[in-house]
C-alpha cells in the first residue's frame, strides 16, 4: 500500500494543480486527510453543514441529486484524484447534491472558512487564483464567440490550433 501524500492529494484538484508548490503546501495545512467512508455511506448531503471541497484520495463515489419524487439522477462519478465542490470554497450557497461512496473511500477535504482565511492571509494565493479564473473567463469568452460565429469544422480547427500552441516540449 502506498503512503498517503497530502500534497499530492490536493495537487490533483483542478483548482490547485497549477499553483506553485509553496502555495499548495500552505493548503495542506488547512486540509483534512484520509477521512474514511465505508461503501454506501454518504460523504456529503444537502444541509449537512459541511461546506468546501473534497478530493478522492482512494475509492470511488457518485454525485447525484434527488427530485421531488425521490428519483435519483447521477451527475457524475468520482475516482481517485477527482475533486468535487470547488465552488463551495467561494460561495455560501448550500450544497444541493449528494455524494455517496460506491466503494470504501478515503477523502481529503478543506472547509470554506479555512480556505477563505488562508486566502486573506496569503496574497500570492489570492492572485494566483484570480489569474487562473481570469484565464478561464478568457477561454470561455473565446469559446462563446467561436460557437456563435464558426461552423463545427472551424471550431475544431481553432481548438486544435489552441492545443498546438499550448503544447509542452519535453527535453
N, C-alpha and C. Protein backbone atom coordinates (compact mmCIF):
# COMPACT_ATOMS: atom_id res chain seq x y z
N UNK A 1 0.84 -1.19 0.00
CA UNK A 1 0.00 0.00 0.00
C UNK A 1 0.89 1.24 0.00
N UNK A 2 0.55 2.21 -0.85
CA UNK A 2 1.37 3.41 -0.94
C UNK A 2 1.04 4.37 0.19
N UNK A 3 2.06 5.09 0.62
CA UNK A 3 1.89 6.07 1.69
C UNK A 3 1.14 7.29 1.16
N UNK A 4 0.24 7.81 1.98
CA UNK A 4 -0.54 8.98 1.60
C UNK A 4 0.34 10.22 1.55
N UNK A 5 0.19 11.00 0.49
CA UNK A 5 0.88 12.28 0.36
C UNK A 5 -0.17 13.39 0.33
N UNK A 6 -0.31 14.14 1.42
CA UNK A 6 -1.29 15.24 1.41
C UNK A 6 -1.06 16.22 0.26
N UNK A 7 0.20 16.52 -0.05
CA UNK A 7 0.49 17.46 -1.13
C UNK A 7 0.04 16.89 -2.48
N UNK A 8 0.34 15.63 -2.73
CA UNK A 8 -0.07 15.01 -3.99
C UNK A 8 -1.59 14.94 -4.09
N UNK A 9 -2.23 14.64 -2.98
CA UNK A 9 -3.69 14.53 -2.96
C UNK A 9 -4.33 15.86 -3.37
N UNK A 10 -3.95 16.95 -2.72
CA UNK A 10 -4.53 18.25 -3.04
C UNK A 10 -4.10 18.75 -4.42
N UNK A 11 -2.93 18.33 -4.86
CA UNK A 11 -2.45 18.76 -6.18
C UNK A 11 -3.30 18.18 -7.30
N UNK A 12 -4.07 17.13 -7.01
CA UNK A 12 -4.96 16.55 -8.02
C UNK A 12 -6.15 17.46 -8.32
N UNK A 13 -6.52 18.32 -7.39
CA UNK A 13 -7.67 19.21 -7.60
C UNK A 13 -7.35 20.20 -8.71
N UNK A 14 -8.23 20.29 -9.68
CA UNK A 14 -8.04 21.18 -10.82
C UNK A 14 -7.75 22.61 -10.37
N UNK A 15 -8.42 23.03 -9.33
CA UNK A 15 -8.27 24.39 -8.83
C UNK A 15 -6.85 24.68 -8.35
N UNK A 16 -6.16 23.65 -7.86
CA UNK A 16 -4.85 23.85 -7.24
C UNK A 16 -3.67 23.33 -8.05
N UNK A 17 -3.92 22.54 -9.07
CA UNK A 17 -2.83 21.83 -9.74
C UNK A 17 -1.78 22.74 -10.35
N UNK A 18 -2.14 23.95 -10.76
CA UNK A 18 -1.18 24.85 -11.39
C UNK A 18 -0.55 25.85 -10.42
N UNK A 19 -0.93 25.76 -9.15
CA UNK A 19 -0.33 26.66 -8.16
C UNK A 19 1.10 26.25 -7.87
N UNK A 20 1.95 27.20 -7.52
CA UNK A 20 3.31 26.85 -7.10
C UNK A 20 3.26 25.91 -5.88
N UNK A 21 4.24 25.05 -5.78
CA UNK A 21 4.27 24.08 -4.68
C UNK A 21 4.21 24.75 -3.31
N UNK A 22 4.85 25.90 -3.17
CA UNK A 22 4.85 26.59 -1.87
C UNK A 22 3.42 26.95 -1.44
N UNK A 23 2.57 27.33 -2.39
CA UNK A 23 1.18 27.66 -2.06
C UNK A 23 0.37 26.40 -1.79
N UNK A 24 0.64 25.33 -2.54
CA UNK A 24 -0.07 24.07 -2.29
C UNK A 24 0.28 23.53 -0.91
N UNK A 25 1.52 23.74 -0.47
CA UNK A 25 1.91 23.30 0.87
C UNK A 25 1.13 24.05 1.95
N UNK A 26 0.84 25.31 1.71
CA UNK A 26 0.02 26.07 2.66
C UNK A 26 -1.41 25.51 2.71
N UNK A 27 -1.92 25.09 1.56
CA UNK A 27 -3.26 24.50 1.53
C UNK A 27 -3.31 23.19 2.31
N UNK A 28 -2.22 22.44 2.30
CA UNK A 28 -2.16 21.18 3.05
C UNK A 28 -2.40 21.44 4.54
N UNK A 29 -1.91 22.57 5.03
CA UNK A 29 -2.03 22.86 6.47
C UNK A 29 -3.46 23.10 6.92
N UNK A 30 -4.36 23.41 5.99
CA UNK A 30 -5.75 23.68 6.37
C UNK A 30 -6.70 22.56 5.93
N UNK A 31 -6.14 21.47 5.47
CA UNK A 31 -7.00 20.40 4.96
C UNK A 31 -6.98 19.18 5.87
N UNK A 32 -8.05 18.40 5.75
CA UNK A 32 -8.20 17.14 6.48
C UNK A 32 -7.86 16.02 5.51
N UNK A 33 -7.16 15.01 6.00
CA UNK A 33 -6.70 13.96 5.09
C UNK A 33 -7.16 12.57 5.51
N UNK A 34 -7.51 11.80 4.50
CA UNK A 34 -7.87 10.39 4.60
C UNK A 34 -9.01 10.13 5.57
N UNK A 35 -10.07 10.91 5.45
CA UNK A 35 -11.28 10.62 6.20
C UNK A 35 -11.94 9.41 5.53
N UNK A 36 -12.26 8.40 6.32
CA UNK A 36 -12.76 7.13 5.78
C UNK A 36 -14.28 7.11 5.71
N UNK A 37 -14.80 6.62 4.57
CA UNK A 37 -16.23 6.43 4.37
C UNK A 37 -16.45 5.02 3.81
N UNK A 38 -17.16 4.16 4.55
CA UNK A 38 -17.41 2.82 4.03
C UNK A 38 -18.36 2.85 2.82
N UNK A 39 -18.28 1.82 2.01
CA UNK A 39 -19.14 1.69 0.83
C UNK A 39 -20.60 1.92 1.23
N UNK A 40 -21.29 2.76 0.45
CA UNK A 40 -22.70 3.03 0.68
C UNK A 40 -22.97 4.23 1.58
N UNK A 41 -21.96 4.72 2.27
CA UNK A 41 -22.20 5.84 3.18
C UNK A 41 -22.19 7.17 2.43
N UNK A 42 -22.88 8.15 3.00
CA UNK A 42 -22.93 9.48 2.40
C UNK A 42 -21.71 10.28 2.86
N UNK A 43 -20.98 10.78 1.87
CA UNK A 43 -19.82 11.62 2.14
C UNK A 43 -20.27 13.06 2.36
N UNK A 44 -21.20 13.50 1.54
CA UNK A 44 -21.82 14.82 1.66
C UNK A 44 -23.29 14.69 1.28
N UNK A 45 -24.10 15.58 1.88
CA UNK A 45 -25.52 15.64 1.53
C UNK A 45 -26.02 17.06 1.79
N UNK A 46 -27.14 17.42 1.17
CA UNK A 46 -27.65 18.78 1.37
C UNK A 46 -27.87 19.08 2.85
N UNK A 47 -27.51 20.27 3.23
CA UNK A 47 -27.73 20.80 4.58
C UNK A 47 -27.02 20.00 5.67
N UNK A 48 -25.91 19.35 5.33
CA UNK A 48 -25.16 18.60 6.34
C UNK A 48 -24.18 19.49 7.11
N UNK A 49 -24.10 20.76 6.72
CA UNK A 49 -23.21 21.68 7.40
C UNK A 49 -21.76 21.57 6.97
N UNK A 50 -21.48 20.68 6.03
CA UNK A 50 -20.11 20.50 5.54
C UNK A 50 -19.97 21.29 4.24
N UNK A 51 -19.25 22.39 4.31
CA UNK A 51 -19.03 23.19 3.11
C UNK A 51 -17.64 22.89 2.58
N UNK A 52 -17.25 23.57 1.54
CA UNK A 52 -15.91 23.38 1.00
C UNK A 52 -15.85 22.28 -0.04
N UNK A 53 -14.64 21.80 -0.28
CA UNK A 53 -14.42 20.83 -1.35
C UNK A 53 -13.77 19.57 -0.82
N UNK A 54 -13.81 18.54 -1.64
CA UNK A 54 -13.15 17.29 -1.28
C UNK A 54 -12.40 16.74 -2.49
N UNK A 55 -11.40 15.91 -2.19
CA UNK A 55 -10.63 15.21 -3.20
C UNK A 55 -10.66 13.73 -2.83
N UNK A 56 -10.99 12.89 -3.80
CA UNK A 56 -11.00 11.44 -3.57
C UNK A 56 -9.55 10.97 -3.52
N UNK A 57 -9.12 10.51 -2.35
CA UNK A 57 -7.76 10.00 -2.22
C UNK A 57 -7.70 8.54 -2.66
N UNK A 58 -8.68 7.77 -2.24
CA UNK A 58 -8.80 6.36 -2.65
C UNK A 58 -10.27 6.02 -2.71
N UNK A 59 -10.62 5.11 -3.59
CA UNK A 59 -12.01 4.67 -3.69
C UNK A 59 -12.77 5.42 -4.76
N UNK A 60 -14.09 5.20 -4.74
CA UNK A 60 -14.97 5.80 -5.74
C UNK A 60 -16.25 6.28 -5.08
N UNK A 61 -16.89 7.25 -5.73
CA UNK A 61 -18.16 7.79 -5.22
C UNK A 61 -18.99 8.28 -6.38
N UNK A 62 -20.28 8.46 -6.12
CA UNK A 62 -21.16 9.05 -7.13
C UNK A 62 -21.73 10.34 -6.57
N UNK A 63 -21.94 11.29 -7.47
CA UNK A 63 -22.57 12.56 -7.14
C UNK A 63 -23.95 12.50 -7.77
N UNK A 64 -24.99 12.75 -6.97
CA UNK A 64 -26.34 12.65 -7.51
C UNK A 64 -27.27 13.64 -6.84
N UNK A 65 -28.41 13.84 -7.50
CA UNK A 65 -29.47 14.66 -6.92
C UNK A 65 -30.73 13.82 -6.87
N UNK A 66 -31.67 14.25 -6.06
CA UNK A 66 -32.97 13.58 -5.97
C UNK A 66 -34.05 14.59 -6.34
N UNK A 67 -35.02 14.15 -7.16
CA UNK A 67 -36.14 15.04 -7.46
C UNK A 67 -37.20 14.91 -6.37
N UNK A 68 -38.30 15.63 -6.53
CA UNK A 68 -39.36 15.63 -5.50
C UNK A 68 -39.93 14.25 -5.24
N UNK A 69 -39.89 13.37 -6.26
CA UNK A 69 -40.42 12.02 -6.12
C UNK A 69 -39.38 11.04 -5.59
N UNK A 70 -38.18 11.53 -5.31
CA UNK A 70 -37.13 10.66 -4.80
C UNK A 70 -36.33 9.95 -5.89
N UNK A 71 -36.56 10.33 -7.15
CA UNK A 71 -35.82 9.71 -8.24
C UNK A 71 -34.40 10.27 -8.28
N UNK A 72 -33.44 9.36 -8.35
CA UNK A 72 -32.03 9.73 -8.35
C UNK A 72 -31.54 10.02 -9.76
N UNK A 73 -30.82 11.14 -9.90
CA UNK A 73 -30.16 11.47 -11.16
C UNK A 73 -28.67 11.57 -10.87
N UNK A 74 -27.90 10.68 -11.49
CA UNK A 74 -26.45 10.70 -11.28
C UNK A 74 -25.85 11.83 -12.09
N UNK A 75 -25.11 12.69 -11.41
CA UNK A 75 -24.50 13.86 -12.04
C UNK A 75 -23.03 13.61 -12.40
N UNK A 76 -22.42 12.65 -11.73
CA UNK A 76 -21.03 12.36 -12.01
C UNK A 76 -20.50 11.25 -11.13
N UNK A 77 -19.36 10.74 -11.52
CA UNK A 77 -18.67 9.70 -10.76
C UNK A 77 -17.30 10.23 -10.37
N UNK A 78 -16.89 9.94 -9.16
CA UNK A 78 -15.60 10.39 -8.66
C UNK A 78 -14.69 9.19 -8.48
N UNK A 79 -13.48 9.29 -9.00
CA UNK A 79 -12.46 8.27 -8.85
C UNK A 79 -11.27 8.87 -8.12
N UNK A 80 -10.29 8.06 -7.85
CA UNK A 80 -9.07 8.53 -7.18
C UNK A 80 -8.54 9.77 -7.89
N UNK A 81 -8.31 10.83 -7.13
CA UNK A 81 -7.76 12.06 -7.67
C UNK A 81 -8.79 13.08 -8.11
N UNK A 82 -10.05 12.68 -8.23
CA UNK A 82 -11.09 13.63 -8.64
C UNK A 82 -11.48 14.53 -7.48
N UNK A 83 -11.89 15.74 -7.81
CA UNK A 83 -12.33 16.68 -6.77
C UNK A 83 -13.76 17.11 -7.04
N UNK A 84 -14.41 17.55 -6.00
CA UNK A 84 -15.80 17.98 -6.08
C UNK A 84 -16.02 19.11 -5.08
N UNK A 85 -16.78 20.11 -5.49
CA UNK A 85 -17.19 21.16 -4.57
C UNK A 85 -16.29 22.38 -4.52
N UNK A 86 -15.42 22.56 -5.52
CA UNK A 86 -14.55 23.74 -5.51
C UNK A 86 -15.36 25.02 -5.39
N UNK A 87 -16.54 25.04 -6.02
CA UNK A 87 -17.38 26.24 -5.99
C UNK A 87 -17.79 26.60 -4.56
N UNK A 88 -17.84 25.61 -3.67
CA UNK A 88 -18.24 25.87 -2.29
C UNK A 88 -17.15 26.56 -1.48
N UNK A 89 -15.95 26.65 -2.03
CA UNK A 89 -14.90 27.42 -1.36
C UNK A 89 -15.14 28.92 -1.53
N UNK A 90 -15.93 29.28 -2.54
CA UNK A 90 -16.14 30.69 -2.88
C UNK A 90 -17.57 31.16 -2.66
N UNK A 91 -18.48 30.25 -2.41
CA UNK A 91 -19.90 30.59 -2.31
C UNK A 91 -20.48 30.06 -1.00
N UNK A 92 -21.43 30.80 -0.48
CA UNK A 92 -22.09 30.36 0.75
C UNK A 92 -23.38 29.59 0.45
N UNK A 93 -23.67 29.35 -0.82
CA UNK A 93 -24.89 28.62 -1.16
C UNK A 93 -24.80 27.19 -0.64
N UNK A 94 -25.93 26.67 -0.23
CA UNK A 94 -25.98 25.33 0.35
C UNK A 94 -25.74 24.27 -0.72
N UNK A 95 -25.11 23.20 -0.31
CA UNK A 95 -24.90 22.05 -1.20
C UNK A 95 -26.26 21.46 -1.56
N UNK A 96 -26.46 21.15 -2.83
CA UNK A 96 -27.74 20.61 -3.27
C UNK A 96 -27.65 19.15 -3.68
N UNK A 97 -26.44 18.61 -3.79
CA UNK A 97 -26.26 17.25 -4.27
C UNK A 97 -25.75 16.33 -3.17
N UNK A 98 -25.91 15.05 -3.41
CA UNK A 98 -25.41 14.02 -2.53
C UNK A 98 -24.11 13.47 -3.11
N UNK A 99 -23.20 13.05 -2.24
CA UNK A 99 -22.01 12.32 -2.67
C UNK A 99 -21.99 11.05 -1.82
N UNK A 100 -22.03 9.90 -2.50
CA UNK A 100 -22.11 8.62 -1.80
C UNK A 100 -20.95 7.73 -2.23
N UNK A 101 -20.30 7.11 -1.27
CA UNK A 101 -19.20 6.18 -1.56
C UNK A 101 -19.77 4.94 -2.25
N UNK A 102 -19.21 4.60 -3.41
CA UNK A 102 -19.63 3.38 -4.11
C UNK A 102 -18.66 2.23 -3.84
N UNK A 103 -17.53 2.55 -3.23
CA UNK A 103 -16.58 1.58 -2.68
C UNK A 103 -16.12 2.19 -1.36
N UNK A 104 -15.37 1.46 -0.58
CA UNK A 104 -14.74 2.11 0.57
C UNK A 104 -13.92 3.28 0.04
N UNK A 105 -14.01 4.42 0.70
CA UNK A 105 -13.37 5.63 0.17
C UNK A 105 -12.64 6.39 1.27
N UNK A 106 -11.54 7.02 0.87
CA UNK A 106 -10.78 7.90 1.73
C UNK A 106 -10.74 9.26 1.05
N UNK A 107 -11.10 10.29 1.80
CA UNK A 107 -11.32 11.62 1.23
C UNK A 107 -10.45 12.65 1.94
N UNK A 108 -9.90 13.56 1.16
CA UNK A 108 -9.21 14.74 1.70
C UNK A 108 -10.14 15.93 1.45
N UNK A 109 -10.18 16.87 2.38
CA UNK A 109 -11.11 17.98 2.22
C UNK A 109 -10.60 19.24 2.89
N UNK A 110 -11.24 20.35 2.55
CA UNK A 110 -10.99 21.61 3.25
C UNK A 110 -12.29 22.39 3.31
N UNK A 111 -12.45 23.14 4.39
CA UNK A 111 -13.68 23.91 4.57
C UNK A 111 -13.56 25.28 3.92
N UNK A 112 -14.70 25.85 3.63
CA UNK A 112 -14.74 27.19 3.05
C UNK A 112 -14.10 28.20 4.00
N UNK A 113 -14.44 28.12 5.28
CA UNK A 113 -13.93 29.08 6.25
C UNK A 113 -12.40 29.05 6.32
N UNK A 114 -11.81 27.86 6.41
CA UNK A 114 -10.35 27.75 6.48
C UNK A 114 -9.71 28.25 5.18
N UNK A 115 -10.32 27.92 4.05
CA UNK A 115 -9.79 28.36 2.76
C UNK A 115 -9.85 29.88 2.65
N UNK A 116 -10.99 30.46 2.99
CA UNK A 116 -11.15 31.92 2.90
C UNK A 116 -10.15 32.63 3.82
N UNK A 117 -9.94 32.09 5.00
CA UNK A 117 -8.98 32.69 5.94
C UNK A 117 -7.57 32.65 5.35
N UNK A 118 -7.19 31.52 4.75
CA UNK A 118 -5.86 31.40 4.15
C UNK A 118 -5.71 32.36 2.97
N UNK A 119 -6.74 32.50 2.16
CA UNK A 119 -6.68 33.42 1.01
C UNK A 119 -6.47 34.85 1.50
N UNK A 120 -7.17 35.23 2.57
CA UNK A 120 -6.99 36.59 3.13
C UNK A 120 -5.58 36.81 3.65
N UNK A 121 -4.96 35.76 4.17
CA UNK A 121 -3.62 35.87 4.75
C UNK A 121 -2.50 35.69 3.73
N UNK A 122 -2.84 35.22 2.53
CA UNK A 122 -1.81 34.86 1.55
C UNK A 122 -2.12 35.53 0.21
N UNK A 123 -1.66 36.77 0.02
CA UNK A 123 -1.95 37.48 -1.22
C UNK A 123 -1.49 36.73 -2.48
N UNK A 124 -0.38 36.00 -2.41
CA UNK A 124 0.08 35.26 -3.58
C UNK A 124 -0.93 34.19 -3.99
N UNK A 125 -1.56 33.56 -3.01
CA UNK A 125 -2.59 32.56 -3.31
C UNK A 125 -3.79 33.23 -3.97
N UNK A 126 -4.22 34.35 -3.41
CA UNK A 126 -5.36 35.07 -3.98
C UNK A 126 -5.07 35.49 -5.42
N UNK A 127 -3.88 36.03 -5.66
CA UNK A 127 -3.52 36.48 -7.00
C UNK A 127 -3.43 35.32 -7.98
N UNK A 128 -2.85 34.21 -7.56
CA UNK A 128 -2.77 33.03 -8.44
C UNK A 128 -4.15 32.52 -8.82
N UNK A 129 -5.05 32.47 -7.84
CA UNK A 129 -6.41 32.01 -8.12
C UNK A 129 -7.14 32.98 -9.04
N UNK A 130 -6.98 34.28 -8.80
CA UNK A 130 -7.62 35.27 -9.68
C UNK A 130 -7.09 35.18 -11.11
N UNK A 131 -5.79 35.00 -11.25
CA UNK A 131 -5.22 34.86 -12.59
C UNK A 131 -5.76 33.62 -13.29
N UNK A 132 -5.89 32.53 -12.55
CA UNK A 132 -6.44 31.30 -13.13
C UNK A 132 -7.89 31.50 -13.55
N UNK A 133 -8.69 32.13 -12.69
CA UNK A 133 -10.08 32.40 -13.04
C UNK A 133 -10.17 33.33 -14.25
N UNK A 134 -9.29 34.33 -14.29
CA UNK A 134 -9.27 35.25 -15.42
C UNK A 134 -9.00 34.52 -16.73
N UNK A 135 -8.04 33.59 -16.71
CA UNK A 135 -7.73 32.82 -17.91
C UNK A 135 -8.92 31.96 -18.32
N UNK A 136 -9.62 31.40 -17.34
CA UNK A 136 -10.80 30.59 -17.66
C UNK A 136 -11.90 31.44 -18.27
N UNK A 137 -12.05 32.68 -17.80
CA UNK A 137 -13.05 33.58 -18.38
C UNK A 137 -12.70 33.93 -19.83
N UNK A 138 -11.42 34.18 -20.08
CA UNK A 138 -10.97 34.48 -21.45
C UNK A 138 -11.28 33.29 -22.36
N UNK A 139 -10.97 32.09 -21.88
CA UNK A 139 -11.24 30.88 -22.67
C UNK A 139 -12.73 30.69 -22.91
N UNK A 140 -13.54 30.92 -21.88
CA UNK A 140 -14.99 30.78 -22.03
C UNK A 140 -15.53 31.78 -23.05
N UNK A 141 -15.04 33.02 -22.99
CA UNK A 141 -15.49 34.03 -23.94
C UNK A 141 -15.08 33.66 -25.37
N UNK A 142 -13.85 33.19 -25.52
CA UNK A 142 -13.37 32.78 -26.84
C UNK A 142 -14.23 31.64 -27.39
N UNK A 143 -14.57 30.69 -26.53
CA UNK A 143 -15.41 29.56 -26.97
C UNK A 143 -16.82 30.01 -27.33
N UNK A 144 -17.35 30.99 -26.61
CA UNK A 144 -18.68 31.51 -26.93
C UNK A 144 -18.67 32.19 -28.29
N UNK A 145 -17.65 33.00 -28.53
CA UNK A 145 -17.54 33.67 -29.83
C UNK A 145 -17.42 32.63 -30.94
N UNK A 146 -16.60 31.63 -30.73
CA UNK A 146 -16.43 30.58 -31.74
C UNK A 146 -17.75 29.84 -32.00
N UNK A 147 -18.44 29.51 -30.93
CA UNK A 147 -19.70 28.77 -31.07
C UNK A 147 -20.72 29.57 -31.87
N UNK A 148 -20.70 30.89 -31.69
CA UNK A 148 -21.68 31.73 -32.36
C UNK A 148 -21.26 32.20 -33.75
N UNK A 149 -19.97 32.05 -34.09
CA UNK A 149 -19.53 32.61 -35.36
C UNK A 149 -18.83 31.60 -36.28
N UNK A 150 -18.63 30.38 -35.83
CA UNK A 150 -17.93 29.39 -36.66
C UNK A 150 -18.78 28.14 -36.82
N UNK A 151 -18.57 27.46 -37.94
CA UNK A 151 -19.23 26.16 -38.07
C UNK A 151 -18.39 25.11 -37.33
N UNK A 152 -18.88 23.89 -37.27
CA UNK A 152 -18.23 22.84 -36.47
C UNK A 152 -16.79 22.60 -36.90
N UNK A 153 -16.54 22.53 -38.19
CA UNK A 153 -15.19 22.27 -38.68
C UNK A 153 -14.23 23.39 -38.26
N UNK A 154 -14.67 24.63 -38.39
CA UNK A 154 -13.83 25.77 -38.00
C UNK A 154 -13.54 25.75 -36.49
N UNK A 155 -14.56 25.39 -35.70
CA UNK A 155 -14.36 25.32 -34.24
C UNK A 155 -13.34 24.25 -33.88
N UNK A 156 -13.43 23.10 -34.53
CA UNK A 156 -12.48 22.02 -34.25
C UNK A 156 -11.07 22.44 -34.65
N UNK A 157 -10.93 23.08 -35.79
CA UNK A 157 -9.61 23.52 -36.24
C UNK A 157 -9.03 24.57 -35.28
N UNK A 158 -9.87 25.48 -34.82
CA UNK A 158 -9.41 26.50 -33.87
C UNK A 158 -8.99 25.85 -32.55
N UNK A 159 -9.76 24.87 -32.11
CA UNK A 159 -9.43 24.16 -30.87
C UNK A 159 -8.10 23.42 -31.01
N UNK A 160 -7.91 22.72 -32.11
CA UNK A 160 -6.65 22.01 -32.34
C UNK A 160 -5.48 22.98 -32.43
N UNK A 161 -5.70 24.12 -33.04
CA UNK A 161 -4.66 25.15 -33.11
C UNK A 161 -4.29 25.63 -31.70
N UNK A 162 -5.30 25.85 -30.85
CA UNK A 162 -5.04 26.26 -29.47
C UNK A 162 -4.23 25.19 -28.74
N UNK A 163 -4.59 23.93 -28.94
CA UNK A 163 -3.86 22.84 -28.29
C UNK A 163 -2.40 22.82 -28.73
N UNK A 164 -2.16 23.04 -30.01
CA UNK A 164 -0.79 23.00 -30.51
C UNK A 164 0.04 24.16 -29.94
N UNK A 165 -0.59 25.29 -29.68
CA UNK A 165 0.12 26.44 -29.09
C UNK A 165 0.49 26.18 -27.63
N UNK A 166 -0.33 25.39 -26.94
CA UNK A 166 -0.10 25.11 -25.53
C UNK A 166 0.72 23.85 -25.30
N UNK A 167 1.20 23.25 -26.38
CA UNK A 167 1.97 22.00 -26.29
C UNK A 167 3.25 22.24 -25.50
N UNK A 168 3.53 21.34 -24.58
CA UNK A 168 4.73 21.43 -23.75
C UNK A 168 5.82 20.59 -24.39
N UNK A 169 6.99 21.17 -24.55
CA UNK A 169 8.13 20.45 -25.11
C UNK A 169 8.80 19.64 -24.01
N UNK A 170 9.06 18.36 -24.28
CA UNK A 170 9.77 17.50 -23.34
C UNK A 170 11.21 17.41 -23.81
N UNK A 171 12.13 17.74 -22.91
CA UNK A 171 13.56 17.73 -23.28
C UNK A 171 14.23 16.49 -22.77
